[in-house]
Amino acid sequence: MNYLLYPHFHFSGTFRADVYTGNNKNTNFDIKNFTQSDMLHSRENWNPKGSGEWSVSASVTQACYASGNCVGDEEDSVIEPIVGAPILGK
């Protein structure tokens, strides 16, 4: 599924990410000249020990279709059962 295709789902909740930032510096891709000191905390490399873990805890607030029609009110959950459904991920 392509994220540009319909239906589109809007959601609200909490997203947490422990991003790795070692790839934020172009010099870190230079294998011949790379040293461990390149992985120290810096302005570009603000989370050099990021684990890449993420989690989301949310619920669907709206569903939009290719026709341009969107549903998202509580009474719309009869029409579109996914409205109000939980999104859990880790």
N, C-alpha and C. Protein backbone atom coordinates (compact mmCIF):
# COMPACT_ATOMS: atom_id res chain seq x y z
N MET A 1 0.85 -1.18 0.00
CA MET A 1 0.00 0.00 0.00
C MET A 1 0.88 1.23 0.00
N ASN A 2 0.58 2.16 -0.86
CA ASN A 2 1.29 3.42 -0.96
C ASN A 2 0.62 4.44 -0.04
N TYR A 3 1.40 5.19 0.71
CA TYR A 3 0.81 6.15 1.65
C TYR A 3 0.11 7.31 0.94
N LEU A 4 0.32 7.46 -0.37
CA LEU A 4 -0.35 8.52 -1.11
C LEU A 4 -1.73 8.10 -1.60
N LEU A 5 -2.01 6.80 -1.58
CA LEU A 5 -3.29 6.30 -2.05
C LEU A 5 -4.36 6.42 -0.96
N TYR A 6 -5.60 6.34 -1.37
CA TYR A 6 -6.72 6.41 -0.44
C TYR A 6 -7.09 5.02 0.01
N PRO A 7 -7.72 4.88 1.15
CA PRO A 7 -8.17 5.92 2.06
C PRO A 7 -7.03 6.48 2.91
N HIS A 8 -7.22 7.71 3.39
CA HIS A 8 -6.29 8.35 4.32
C HIS A 8 -6.91 8.29 5.71
N PHE A 9 -6.10 7.97 6.69
CA PHE A 9 -6.58 7.92 8.06
C PHE A 9 -5.86 8.99 8.88
N HIS A 10 -6.60 9.75 9.63
CA HIS A 10 -6.05 10.74 10.55
C HIS A 10 -6.16 10.13 11.95
N PHE A 11 -5.15 10.37 12.75
CA PHE A 11 -5.20 9.82 14.10
C PHE A 11 -4.63 10.81 15.09
N SER A 12 -4.95 10.59 16.35
CA SER A 12 -4.49 11.45 17.42
C SER A 12 -4.03 10.58 18.57
N GLY A 13 -2.91 10.95 19.18
CA GLY A 13 -2.41 10.18 20.30
C GLY A 13 -0.97 10.52 20.60
N THR A 14 -0.22 9.53 21.03
CA THR A 14 1.17 9.71 21.45
C THR A 14 2.10 8.89 20.57
N PHE A 15 3.16 9.53 20.10
CA PHE A 15 4.21 8.86 19.33
C PHE A 15 5.53 9.11 20.03
N ARG A 16 6.33 8.05 20.22
CA ARG A 16 7.63 8.17 20.86
C ARG A 16 8.66 7.53 19.96
N ALA A 17 9.79 8.20 19.76
CA ALA A 17 10.85 7.66 18.93
C ALA A 17 12.20 7.94 19.58
N ASP A 18 13.06 6.92 19.58
CA ASP A 18 14.44 7.06 20.06
C ASP A 18 15.33 6.96 18.82
N VAL A 19 15.42 8.08 18.09
CA VAL A 19 16.08 8.09 16.79
C VAL A 19 17.60 8.04 16.93
N TYR A 20 18.23 7.40 15.97
CA TYR A 20 19.69 7.35 15.87
C TYR A 20 20.11 8.49 14.95
N THR A 21 21.05 9.32 15.38
CA THR A 21 21.43 10.49 14.58
C THR A 21 22.83 10.41 14.01
N GLY A 22 23.45 9.24 14.06
CA GLY A 22 24.81 9.10 13.51
C GLY A 22 24.87 9.34 12.02
N ASN A 23 23.74 9.23 11.33
CA ASN A 23 23.74 9.46 9.89
C ASN A 23 23.44 10.92 9.53
N ASN A 24 23.44 11.81 10.50
CA ASN A 24 23.18 13.22 10.23
C ASN A 24 24.42 13.97 9.74
N LYS A 25 25.59 13.37 9.85
CA LYS A 25 26.83 14.02 9.40
C LYS A 25 27.37 13.28 8.19
N ASN A 26 27.59 14.00 7.10
CA ASN A 26 28.12 13.38 5.88
C ASN A 26 29.47 12.73 6.10
N THR A 27 30.28 13.30 6.99
CA THR A 27 31.62 12.74 7.22
C THR A 27 31.55 11.34 7.83
N ASN A 28 30.44 10.97 8.45
CA ASN A 28 30.31 9.64 9.02
C ASN A 28 30.19 8.55 7.95
N PHE A 29 29.98 8.94 6.71
CA PHE A 29 29.89 7.98 5.62
C PHE A 29 31.23 7.77 4.94
N ASP A 30 32.24 8.51 5.36
CA ASP A 30 33.60 8.39 4.81
C ASP A 30 34.32 7.30 5.59
N ILE A 31 34.24 6.06 5.14
CA ILE A 31 34.76 4.91 5.87
C ILE A 31 36.26 4.99 6.09
N LYS A 32 37.00 5.52 5.13
CA LYS A 32 38.46 5.58 5.24
C LYS A 32 38.91 6.51 6.36
N ASN A 33 38.17 7.59 6.60
CA ASN A 33 38.59 8.58 7.59
C ASN A 33 37.72 8.58 8.85
N PHE A 34 36.82 7.64 8.99
CA PHE A 34 35.92 7.59 10.13
C PHE A 34 36.67 7.15 11.39
N THR A 35 36.42 7.85 12.50
CA THR A 35 36.97 7.46 13.80
C THR A 35 35.84 7.42 14.82
N GLN A 36 36.06 6.77 15.93
CA GLN A 36 35.03 6.68 16.96
C GLN A 36 34.64 8.06 17.50
N SER A 37 35.56 9.02 17.46
CA SER A 37 35.24 10.36 17.96
C SER A 37 34.18 11.04 17.09
N ASP A 38 33.99 10.56 15.86
CA ASP A 38 32.93 11.11 15.01
C ASP A 38 31.54 10.79 15.55
N MET A 39 31.45 9.85 16.46
CA MET A 39 30.17 9.45 17.02
C MET A 39 29.87 10.11 18.37
N LEU A 40 30.67 11.10 18.75
CA LEU A 40 30.41 11.81 20.00
C LEU A 40 29.24 12.77 19.83
N HIS A 41 28.64 13.12 20.93
CA HIS A 41 27.51 14.05 20.94
C HIS A 41 27.92 15.39 20.34
N SER A 42 27.13 15.91 19.40
CA SER A 42 27.40 17.21 18.78
C SER A 42 26.08 17.82 18.34
N ARG A 43 26.16 19.00 17.73
CA ARG A 43 24.95 19.67 17.26
C ARG A 43 24.21 18.80 16.23
N GLU A 44 24.96 18.19 15.30
CA GLU A 44 24.34 17.34 14.28
C GLU A 44 23.99 15.96 14.83
N ASN A 45 24.82 15.47 15.73
CA ASN A 45 24.70 14.11 16.24
C ASN A 45 24.20 14.17 17.68
N TRP A 46 22.97 14.65 17.87
CA TRP A 46 22.44 14.91 19.20
C TRP A 46 21.95 13.66 19.91
N ASN A 47 21.86 12.52 19.23
CA ASN A 47 21.47 11.28 19.89
C ASN A 47 22.25 10.11 19.27
N PRO A 48 23.56 10.09 19.48
CA PRO A 48 24.39 9.08 18.82
C PRO A 48 24.15 7.65 19.28
N LYS A 49 23.47 7.48 20.40
CA LYS A 49 23.20 6.12 20.89
C LYS A 49 21.73 5.75 20.76
N GLY A 50 21.01 6.41 19.86
CA GLY A 50 19.60 6.12 19.65
C GLY A 50 19.39 4.67 19.23
N SER A 51 18.39 4.04 19.81
CA SER A 51 18.15 2.62 19.56
C SER A 51 17.31 2.37 18.32
N GLY A 52 16.63 3.39 17.83
CA GLY A 52 15.73 3.20 16.69
C GLY A 52 14.36 2.69 17.11
N GLU A 53 14.15 2.47 18.40
CA GLU A 53 12.85 1.99 18.86
C GLU A 53 11.80 3.10 18.74
N TRP A 54 10.57 2.70 18.51
CA TRP A 54 9.47 3.65 18.44
C TRP A 54 8.20 2.98 18.94
N SER A 55 7.25 3.80 19.32
CA SER A 55 5.94 3.29 19.72
C SER A 55 4.89 4.34 19.45
N VAL A 56 3.68 3.88 19.23
CA VAL A 56 2.55 4.79 19.00
C VAL A 56 1.34 4.24 19.76
N SER A 57 0.62 5.12 20.37
CA SER A 57 -0.62 4.76 21.05
C SER A 57 -1.63 5.85 20.69
N ALA A 58 -2.54 5.53 19.80
CA ALA A 58 -3.44 6.54 19.28
C ALA A 58 -4.75 5.90 18.85
N SER A 59 -5.65 6.73 18.35
CA SER A 59 -6.89 6.22 17.78
C SER A 59 -7.22 7.00 16.51
N VAL A 60 -7.94 6.35 15.60
CA VAL A 60 -8.32 6.95 14.33
C VAL A 60 -9.39 8.01 14.60
N THR A 61 -9.16 9.22 14.08
CA THR A 61 -10.12 10.31 14.28
C THR A 61 -10.90 10.64 13.02
N GLN A 62 -10.35 10.25 11.85
CA GLN A 62 -11.03 10.58 10.60
C GLN A 62 -10.55 9.65 9.50
N ALA A 63 -11.44 9.31 8.58
CA ALA A 63 -11.11 8.53 7.39
C ALA A 63 -11.55 9.33 6.17
N CYS A 64 -10.64 9.49 5.20
CA CYS A 64 -10.94 10.26 3.99
C CYS A 64 -10.79 9.36 2.77
N TYR A 65 -11.70 9.51 1.82
CA TYR A 65 -11.75 8.67 0.63
C TYR A 65 -11.34 9.46 -0.60
N ALA A 66 -11.07 8.77 -1.70
CA ALA A 66 -10.64 9.40 -2.95
C ALA A 66 -11.69 10.38 -3.47
N SER A 67 -12.94 10.18 -3.13
CA SER A 67 -14.02 11.07 -3.57
C SER A 67 -13.95 12.45 -2.91
N GLY A 68 -13.11 12.55 -1.85
CA GLY A 68 -13.02 13.79 -1.09
C GLY A 68 -13.90 13.78 0.15
N ASN A 69 -14.72 12.76 0.29
CA ASN A 69 -15.59 12.62 1.46
C ASN A 69 -14.78 12.14 2.65
N CYS A 70 -14.95 12.80 3.79
CA CYS A 70 -14.28 12.40 5.02
C CYS A 70 -15.32 12.15 6.10
N VAL A 71 -15.10 11.15 6.92
CA VAL A 71 -15.96 10.87 8.06
C VAL A 71 -15.09 10.86 9.31
N GLY A 72 -15.64 11.39 10.39
CA GLY A 72 -14.82 11.45 11.59
C GLY A 72 -15.57 11.77 12.86
N ASP A 73 -16.84 12.04 12.79
CA ASP A 73 -17.62 12.28 14.00
C ASP A 73 -17.98 10.95 14.64
N GLU A 74 -18.31 10.99 15.92
CA GLU A 74 -18.64 9.74 16.62
C GLU A 74 -19.80 9.01 15.97
N GLU A 75 -20.79 9.75 15.48
CA GLU A 75 -21.92 9.09 14.83
C GLU A 75 -21.51 8.46 13.49
N ASP A 76 -20.39 8.92 12.91
CA ASP A 76 -19.89 8.34 11.66
C ASP A 76 -19.30 6.95 11.86
N SER A 77 -19.06 6.55 13.10
CA SER A 77 -18.47 5.24 13.34
C SER A 77 -19.39 4.12 12.87
N VAL A 78 -20.68 4.42 12.69
CA VAL A 78 -21.60 3.42 12.13
C VAL A 78 -21.28 3.24 10.65
N ILE A 79 -20.97 4.35 9.95
CA ILE A 79 -20.63 4.31 8.53
C ILE A 79 -19.23 3.72 8.33
N GLU A 80 -18.29 4.16 9.14
CA GLU A 80 -16.89 3.73 9.02
C GLU A 80 -16.42 3.22 10.38
N PRO A 81 -16.45 1.90 10.59
CA PRO A 81 -16.12 1.34 11.91
C PRO A 81 -14.70 1.62 12.39
N ILE A 82 -13.80 1.99 11.48
CA ILE A 82 -12.42 2.22 11.92
C ILE A 82 -12.28 3.53 12.70
N VAL A 83 -13.25 4.46 12.54
CA VAL A 83 -13.21 5.72 13.30
C VAL A 83 -13.34 5.38 14.78
N GLY A 84 -12.37 5.82 15.56
CA GLY A 84 -12.33 5.52 16.99
C GLY A 84 -11.53 4.28 17.34
N ALA A 85 -11.11 3.52 16.33
CA ALA A 85 -10.34 2.30 16.58
C ALA A 85 -8.95 2.65 17.10
N PRO A 86 -8.39 1.85 18.01
CA PRO A 86 -7.05 2.12 18.53
C PRO A 86 -5.97 1.75 17.52
N ILE A 87 -4.89 2.52 17.55
CA ILE A 87 -3.68 2.20 16.78
C ILE A 87 -2.60 1.94 17.81
N LEU A 88 -2.13 0.74 17.86
CA LEU A 88 -1.09 0.36 18.81
C LEU A 88 0.09 -0.19 18.03
N GLY A 89 1.27 0.28 18.33
CA GLY A 89 2.44 -0.21 17.62
C GLY A 89 3.68 -0.09 18.43
N LYS A 90 4.62 -0.97 18.15
CA LYS A 90 5.91 -0.90 18.82
C LYS A 90 6.94 -1.58 17.97
